[in-house]
């Protein structure tokens, strides 16, 4: 087995070579990086490393049919859930008619919803919700993930062991965009699951996009513990389709496929799903919400205005009702997964809108 030090040296040598050539030929550079990941890394990689690799170059991993591709599946954090009714009923012997579905963010996976011993899905479990989690390749186009998510969710609801009366979806970061995309395609395809979607909450979701400079800084912190990934943030031009979509807030095929639509059509925005109570949580690293610099920095990755889907020169506002928006202070992007104030607001919104109160 390759030692950690030798692997780190090999990877840093490769990064030096790629850094000098990336401007000349990004495709070739990305192919070389994928080849090293496929054949140079030991087989027993942690799920966190695999999730990071998928966020950074997941589209190319798919093209290469890599063993490190993070396939889209539903999980309960212990097992991958089947979409076959008979098998699913054996897997979920204690499921309820109310589901809370958590959709993770960029470079992450379903396991990482448990952060500092807290999990928003499990927390809602004490109120009678069955928590499940989507795992997906965050390096692929958000619209591709959204359409696949919509189709798989239709199958899951149909296969659920009992009648589903209520669906709650919580999307963290990119997960909120993937969910908005799923709602868009669900409406296009007239999916039945939208009829039971009651509450949709986004946590630090870059509805208007996130600055690439902040994305690079965030990745630098994320890969700091893995020496053989440490240099990835320096290759800013080697970006996955998902990363590019995240930086712009793109959720439809036409948003990024600029050859397919006119400029006027591209400026149209996919809005929040009809008939669903939608909520947005944003946060600031600073404590002064009257400071424009704090608002622009936001949670360190997503500006406050983007997390709230406010209007820009290019986009109309998503029009969240004022009472359906909340901005926290002193909370970073990952702490949205565990901060007690976020937990309190989230549970308050979900429970005030539950079918039990209908």
Protein backbone atom coordinates (compact mmCIF):
# COMPACT_ATOMS: atom_id res chain seq x y z
CA UNK A 1 0.00 0.00 0.00
CA UNK A 2 1.22 3.51 -0.80
CA UNK A 3 2.24 5.42 2.31
CA UNK A 4 0.55 8.73 3.10
CA UNK A 5 3.81 10.67 2.71
CA UNK A 6 4.66 9.11 -0.64
CA UNK A 7 1.10 9.66 -1.86
CA UNK A 8 1.23 13.29 -0.78
CA UNK A 9 4.54 13.81 -2.59
CA UNK A 10 3.21 12.19 -5.77
CA UNK A 11 0.07 14.28 -5.68
CA UNK A 12 1.89 17.55 -5.04
CA UNK A 13 4.25 16.76 -7.92
CA UNK A 14 1.24 16.16 -10.15
CA UNK A 15 -0.36 19.40 -8.99
CA UNK A 16 2.77 21.32 -9.87
CA UNK A 17 2.71 19.87 -13.37
CA UNK A 18 -1.00 20.52 -13.82
CA UNK A 19 -0.82 24.06 -12.47
CA UNK A 20 1.64 25.03 -15.21
CA UNK A 21 -0.40 23.38 -17.95
CA UNK A 22 -3.98 24.04 -16.91
CA UNK A 23 -4.24 27.33 -18.80
CA UNK A 24 -3.03 25.60 -21.97
CA UNK A 25 -5.39 22.66 -21.89
CA UNK A 26 -7.86 22.31 -19.02
CA UNK A 27 -9.42 19.12 -20.41
CA UNK A 28 -6.09 17.30 -20.57
CA UNK A 29 -5.21 18.52 -17.08
CA UNK A 30 -8.49 17.26 -15.71
CA UNK A 31 -8.01 13.89 -17.43
CA UNK A 32 -4.58 13.52 -15.84
CA UNK A 33 -6.00 14.35 -12.43
CA UNK A 34 -8.82 11.82 -12.84
CA UNK A 35 -6.35 9.17 -13.96
CA UNK A 36 -4.27 9.72 -10.84
CA UNK A 37 -7.33 9.59 -8.58
CA UNK A 38 -8.58 6.40 -10.22
CA UNK A 39 -5.27 4.54 -10.16
CA UNK A 40 -3.14 6.33 -7.58
CA UNK A 41 -5.35 6.56 -4.52
CA UNK A 42 -5.74 3.59 -2.16
CA UNK A 43 -9.10 1.79 -2.45
CA UNK A 44 -10.23 2.39 1.13
CA UNK A 45 -10.97 6.10 0.95
CA UNK A 46 -13.22 7.72 3.53
CA UNK A 47 -16.69 8.81 2.46
CA UNK A 48 -15.76 12.43 3.16
CA UNK A 49 -12.83 12.28 0.72
CA UNK A 50 -15.00 10.62 -1.95
CA UNK A 51 -17.67 13.31 -1.47
CA UNK A 52 -15.06 16.06 -1.87
CA UNK A 53 -13.65 14.49 -5.03
CA UNK A 54 -17.15 14.26 -6.48
CA UNK A 55 -17.80 17.93 -5.83
CA UNK A 56 -14.55 18.99 -7.45
CA UNK A 57 -14.45 16.72 -10.51
CA UNK A 58 -17.54 14.51 -10.27
CA UNK A 59 -18.60 15.10 -13.88
CA UNK A 60 -15.28 13.74 -15.12
CA UNK A 61 -15.43 10.79 -12.71
CA UNK A 62 -18.74 9.85 -14.37
CA UNK A 63 -17.21 10.11 -17.83
CA UNK A 64 -14.37 7.87 -16.71
CA UNK A 65 -16.76 5.38 -15.06
CA UNK A 66 -14.71 5.78 -11.91
CA UNK A 67 -15.07 3.63 -8.82
CA UNK A 68 -15.23 6.88 -6.85
CA UNK A 69 -18.49 8.14 -8.38
CA UNK A 70 -21.05 8.99 -5.69
CA UNK A 71 -24.26 7.60 -7.18
CA UNK A 72 -27.66 9.15 -6.42
CA UNK A 73 -29.49 7.08 -3.80
CA UNK A 74 -31.81 7.52 -0.85
CA UNK A 75 -30.42 6.40 2.51
CA UNK A 76 -31.36 6.33 6.16
CA UNK A 77 -27.65 6.69 7.10
CA UNK A 78 -27.41 2.97 7.73
CA UNK A 79 -28.44 1.50 4.40
CA UNK A 80 -29.28 2.40 0.83
CA UNK A 81 -33.04 2.36 0.42
CA UNK A 82 -34.61 0.31 -2.33
CA UNK A 83 -37.25 1.75 -4.65
CA UNK A 84 -38.96 -1.66 -4.79
CA UNK A 85 -42.03 -1.71 -2.47
CA UNK A 86 -41.44 -5.19 -1.01
CA UNK A 87 -37.78 -4.58 -0.22
CA UNK A 88 -38.40 -1.07 1.12
CA UNK A 89 -41.08 -2.35 3.51
CA UNK A 90 -38.53 -4.79 4.94
CA UNK A 91 -35.94 -2.05 5.31
CA UNK A 92 -38.31 0.47 6.95
CA UNK A 93 -40.35 -1.54 9.45
CA UNK A 94 -41.19 1.53 11.55
CA UNK A 95 -41.75 4.22 8.95
CA UNK A 96 -44.43 6.87 9.38
CA UNK A 97 -46.73 8.76 7.03
CA UNK A 98 -44.61 11.90 7.46
CA UNK A 99 -41.17 12.13 5.85
CA UNK A 100 -38.36 14.63 6.36
CA UNK A 101 -35.90 14.41 3.49
CA UNK A 102 -32.48 16.05 3.90
CA UNK A 103 -30.46 17.04 0.81
CA UNK A 104 -26.76 17.74 1.43
CA UNK A 105 -24.56 20.42 -0.06
CA UNK A 106 -21.55 20.63 -2.36
CA UNK A 107 -18.61 18.27 -1.68
CA UNK A 108 -20.62 16.53 1.05
CA UNK A 109 -22.77 13.43 1.54
CA UNK A 110 -25.72 12.20 3.57
CA UNK A 111 -23.61 11.07 6.54
CA UNK A 112 -22.41 14.61 7.09
CA UNK A 113 -25.86 15.79 8.12
CA UNK A 114 -24.68 14.61 11.53
CA UNK A 115 -22.46 17.52 12.51
CA UNK A 116 -21.12 17.97 16.04
CA UNK A 117 -23.49 15.24 17.23
CA UNK A 118 -26.59 16.94 15.80
CA UNK A 119 -28.72 15.97 12.81
CA UNK A 120 -31.71 18.10 11.72
CA UNK A 121 -33.42 15.03 10.27
CA UNK A 122 -33.03 12.92 13.40
CA UNK A 123 -34.08 15.90 15.51
CA UNK A 124 -37.44 16.01 13.70
CA UNK A 125 -37.76 12.27 14.16
CA UNK A 126 -38.90 12.82 17.74
CA UNK A 127 -41.98 14.58 16.35
CA UNK A 128 -43.06 11.59 14.29
CA UNK A 129 -41.14 12.22 11.05
CA UNK A 130 -39.18 9.47 9.33
CA UNK A 131 -35.80 10.96 8.37
CA UNK A 132 -34.24 9.95 5.05
CA UNK A 133 -31.33 11.44 3.13
CA UNK A 134 -30.40 11.95 -0.51
CA UNK A 135 -26.83 11.17 -1.57
CA UNK A 136 -25.70 12.47 -4.96
CA UNK A 137 -22.68 13.49 -7.05
CA UNK A 138 -22.32 17.22 -6.45
CA UNK A 139 -19.94 17.65 -9.39
CA UNK A 140 -22.63 17.03 -11.99
CA UNK A 141 -24.91 19.75 -13.33
CA UNK A 142 -27.49 20.76 -10.72
CA UNK A 143 -30.24 20.42 -13.32
CA UNK A 144 -29.22 16.82 -14.09
CA UNK A 145 -29.25 16.00 -10.38
CA UNK A 146 -32.57 17.83 -9.95
CA UNK A 147 -34.34 15.95 -12.71
CA UNK A 148 -33.02 12.58 -11.49
CA UNK A 149 -34.00 13.48 -7.91
CA UNK A 150 -37.54 14.31 -9.03
CA UNK A 151 -37.91 11.00 -10.84
CA UNK A 152 -36.48 8.94 -7.98
CA UNK A 153 -38.61 10.75 -5.41
CA UNK A 154 -41.72 9.85 -7.42
CA UNK A 155 -40.67 6.20 -7.19
CA UNK A 156 -39.87 6.44 -3.48
CA UNK A 157 -43.21 7.96 -2.52
CA UNK A 158 -45.00 5.32 -4.59
CA UNK A 159 -43.02 2.52 -2.92
CA UNK A 160 -43.32 3.89 0.66
CA UNK A 161 -44.75 1.19 2.97
CA UNK A 162 -47.66 3.39 4.07
CA UNK A 163 -49.53 6.30 2.56
CA UNK A 164 -47.45 9.48 2.67
CA UNK A 165 -49.43 12.43 4.02
CA UNK A 166 -46.60 14.92 4.40
CA UNK A 167 -43.18 15.49 2.88
CA UNK A 168 -40.70 18.01 4.31
CA UNK A 169 -37.48 18.75 2.43
CA UNK A 170 -34.49 20.50 4.02
CA UNK A 171 -31.74 21.55 1.61
CA UNK A 172 -28.35 22.71 2.81
CA UNK A 173 -26.33 24.89 0.39
CA UNK A 174 -26.35 23.21 -3.06
CA UNK A 175 -29.01 20.85 -1.70
CA UNK A 176 -31.52 23.69 -1.78
CA UNK A 177 -30.74 24.35 -5.46
CA UNK A 178 -31.02 20.65 -6.32
CA UNK A 179 -34.40 20.57 -4.56
CA UNK A 180 -35.64 23.68 -6.37
CA UNK A 181 -34.52 22.03 -9.59
CA UNK A 182 -36.42 18.85 -8.64
CA UNK A 183 -39.56 20.90 -7.99
CA UNK A 184 -39.16 22.57 -11.39
CA UNK A 185 -38.87 19.23 -13.21
CA UNK A 186 -41.53 17.65 -11.00
CA UNK A 187 -43.98 20.28 -12.16
CA UNK A 188 -42.90 19.75 -15.78
CA UNK A 189 -43.45 16.00 -15.52
CA UNK A 190 -46.58 16.33 -13.33
CA UNK A 191 -45.17 14.20 -10.54
CA UNK A 192 -47.46 13.20 -7.70
CA UNK A 193 -44.90 13.76 -4.92
CA UNK A 194 -45.40 17.52 -5.19
CA UNK A 195 -48.95 17.07 -3.87
CA UNK A 196 -47.57 15.91 -0.49
CA UNK A 197 -44.64 18.34 -0.33
CA UNK A 198 -45.76 20.63 2.47
CA UNK A 199 -42.61 22.39 3.70
CA UNK A 200 -39.34 23.25 1.96
CA UNK A 201 -36.52 24.91 3.93
CA UNK A 202 -33.17 26.03 2.55
CA UNK A 203 -30.11 26.55 4.76
CA UNK A 204 -27.47 28.84 3.30
CA UNK A 205 -28.51 28.05 -0.28
CA UNK A 206 -26.91 30.30 -2.94
CA UNK A 207 -30.10 31.00 -4.89
CA UNK A 208 -28.30 33.85 -6.68
CA UNK A 209 -24.97 32.04 -6.79
CA UNK A 210 -21.85 32.13 -4.61
CA UNK A 211 -18.58 33.93 -5.43
CA UNK A 212 -15.97 31.53 -6.79
CA UNK A 213 -13.30 33.07 -4.56
CA UNK A 214 -15.32 32.08 -1.51
CA UNK A 215 -15.88 28.60 -2.90
CA UNK A 216 -12.12 28.15 -3.29
CA UNK A 217 -11.48 29.29 0.31
CA UNK A 218 -14.15 26.93 1.60
CA UNK A 219 -12.62 24.00 -0.26
CA UNK A 220 -9.18 24.91 1.10
CA UNK A 221 -10.55 24.43 4.61
CA UNK A 222 -12.46 21.26 3.68
CA UNK A 223 -9.45 19.40 2.25
CA UNK A 224 -6.90 20.60 4.79
CA UNK A 225 -6.89 17.29 6.62
CA UNK A 226 -6.19 15.25 3.45
CA UNK A 227 -2.63 15.99 2.26
CA UNK A 228 -3.21 14.43 -1.16
CA UNK A 229 -6.15 16.78 -1.78
CA UNK A 230 -4.52 19.88 -0.32
CA UNK A 231 -3.45 21.38 -3.63
CA UNK A 232 -6.82 21.07 -5.38
CA UNK A 233 -7.99 24.56 -4.46
CA UNK A 234 -5.09 26.06 -6.42
CA UNK A 235 -6.43 24.59 -9.66
CA UNK A 236 -9.32 27.04 -9.79
CA UNK A 237 -9.80 26.55 -13.53
CA UNK A 238 -10.42 22.82 -13.12
CA UNK A 239 -13.99 23.07 -11.95
CA UNK A 240 -16.85 20.61 -12.17
CA UNK A 241 -20.16 21.41 -13.83
CA UNK A 242 -21.78 21.42 -10.41
CA UNK A 243 -19.28 23.95 -9.09
CA UNK A 244 -19.96 26.30 -12.00
CA UNK A 245 -23.74 25.96 -11.52
CA UNK A 246 -23.37 26.61 -7.78
CA UNK A 247 -21.43 29.82 -8.42
CA UNK A 248 -24.30 31.11 -10.60
CA UNK A 249 -27.37 29.53 -8.96
CA UNK A 250 -28.28 27.59 -12.13
CA UNK A 251 -31.00 24.96 -11.65
CA UNK A 252 -32.41 24.34 -15.16
CA UNK A 253 -30.77 22.83 -18.24
CA UNK A 254 -31.30 26.08 -20.13
CA UNK A 255 -29.55 28.11 -17.45
CA UNK A 256 -26.13 26.67 -18.30
CA UNK A 257 -26.79 25.43 -21.86
CA UNK A 258 -26.62 28.92 -23.37
CA UNK A 259 -26.84 27.61 -26.92
CA UNK A 260 -30.38 26.37 -26.41
CA UNK A 261 -32.24 29.55 -25.47
CA UNK A 262 -32.20 33.25 -26.23
CA UNK A 263 -30.75 35.75 -23.75
CA UNK A 264 -34.24 36.95 -22.82
CA UNK A 265 -35.36 33.41 -21.94
CA UNK A 266 -32.22 32.83 -19.87
CA UNK A 267 -33.11 35.79 -17.66
CA UNK A 268 -36.37 34.10 -16.64
CA UNK A 269 -36.11 32.44 -13.25
CA UNK A 270 -37.53 29.18 -11.98
CA UNK A 271 -39.57 30.28 -8.97
CA UNK A 272 -40.46 28.52 -5.73
CA UNK A 273 -42.90 25.61 -6.05
CA UNK A 274 -46.61 26.48 -5.99
CA UNK A 275 -48.69 25.44 -2.99
CA UNK A 276 -45.67 24.73 -0.78
CA UNK A 277 -44.62 26.63 2.34
CA UNK A 278 -41.07 27.73 1.50
CA UNK A 279 -38.58 29.12 4.02
CA UNK A 280 -35.02 30.45 3.77
CA UNK A 281 -32.32 30.61 6.44
CA UNK A 282 -29.22 32.76 5.94
CA UNK A 283 -26.40 33.71 8.27
CA UNK A 284 -23.50 36.12 8.80
CA UNK A 285 -20.08 35.53 10.28
CA UNK A 286 -20.29 39.02 11.76
CA UNK A 287 -22.85 40.25 14.27
CA UNK A 288 -23.88 43.53 12.64
CA UNK A 289 -26.71 43.04 10.14
CA UNK A 290 -26.55 46.73 9.23
CA UNK A 291 -23.03 46.34 7.84
CA UNK A 292 -23.10 45.77 4.05
CA UNK A 293 -19.69 44.08 4.18
CA UNK A 294 -21.00 41.51 6.67
CA UNK A 295 -24.04 40.86 4.49
CA UNK A 296 -21.90 40.37 1.39
CA UNK A 297 -19.58 37.96 3.21
CA UNK A 298 -22.56 36.14 4.66
CA UNK A 299 -21.77 32.76 6.18
CA UNK A 300 -18.32 32.70 4.58
CA UNK A 301 -19.57 31.02 1.41
CA UNK A 302 -23.00 32.45 0.59
CA UNK A 303 -23.96 36.16 0.80
CA UNK A 304 -27.14 36.89 2.77
CA UNK A 305 -28.95 38.31 -0.27
CA UNK A 306 -28.23 35.13 -2.23
CA UNK A 307 -29.40 32.83 0.58
CA UNK A 308 -32.67 34.81 0.75
CA UNK A 309 -33.16 34.82 -3.04
CA UNK A 310 -33.39 38.60 -3.25
CA UNK A 311 -33.61 40.39 -6.58
CA UNK A 312 -30.53 41.28 -8.65
CA UNK A 313 -30.01 43.15 -11.91
CA UNK A 314 -30.33 39.82 -13.73
CA UNK A 315 -32.89 37.98 -11.60
CA UNK A 316 -36.21 38.66 -9.98
CA UNK A 317 -36.68 37.92 -6.29
CA UNK A 318 -37.89 34.48 -5.22
CA UNK A 319 -40.38 36.35 -3.03
CA UNK A 320 -40.07 34.51 0.24
CA UNK A 321 -42.58 36.10 2.66
CA UNK A 322 -40.78 38.17 5.29
CA UNK A 323 -42.00 35.87 8.06
CA UNK A 324 -40.50 32.91 6.17
CA UNK A 325 -36.96 34.33 6.24
CA UNK A 326 -34.45 34.26 9.09
CA UNK A 327 -30.89 35.60 9.31
CA UNK A 328 -28.58 34.42 12.07
CA UNK A 329 -25.37 36.09 13.25
CA UNK A 330 -22.02 34.58 14.16
CA UNK A 331 -22.89 31.38 12.29
CA UNK A 332 -20.74 29.93 9.50
CA UNK A 333 -21.86 27.82 6.54
CA UNK A 334 -21.35 24.43 8.18
CA UNK A 335 -22.71 25.53 11.54
CA UNK A 336 -26.10 25.92 9.86
CA UNK A 337 -26.22 22.14 10.27
CA UNK A 338 -25.99 22.24 14.03
CA UNK A 339 -26.55 25.70 15.57
CA UNK A 340 -29.29 25.58 18.22
CA UNK A 341 -30.95 28.76 16.92
CA UNK A 342 -31.19 27.24 13.44
CA UNK A 343 -32.61 24.06 14.93
CA UNK A 344 -35.22 26.01 16.86
CA UNK A 345 -36.37 28.07 13.87
CA UNK A 346 -36.40 25.01 11.61
CA UNK A 347 -38.51 22.94 13.99
CA UNK A 348 -40.85 25.87 14.64
CA UNK A 349 -41.54 26.28 10.91
CA UNK A 350 -41.98 22.58 10.21
CA UNK A 351 -44.25 21.93 13.17
CA UNK A 352 -46.41 25.01 12.54
CA UNK A 353 -47.10 23.66 9.08
CA UNK A 354 -47.49 19.95 9.83
CA UNK A 355 -50.55 17.99 8.71
CA UNK A 356 -51.41 17.51 12.36
CA UNK A 357 -52.23 21.23 12.47
CA UNK A 358 -54.23 21.20 9.26
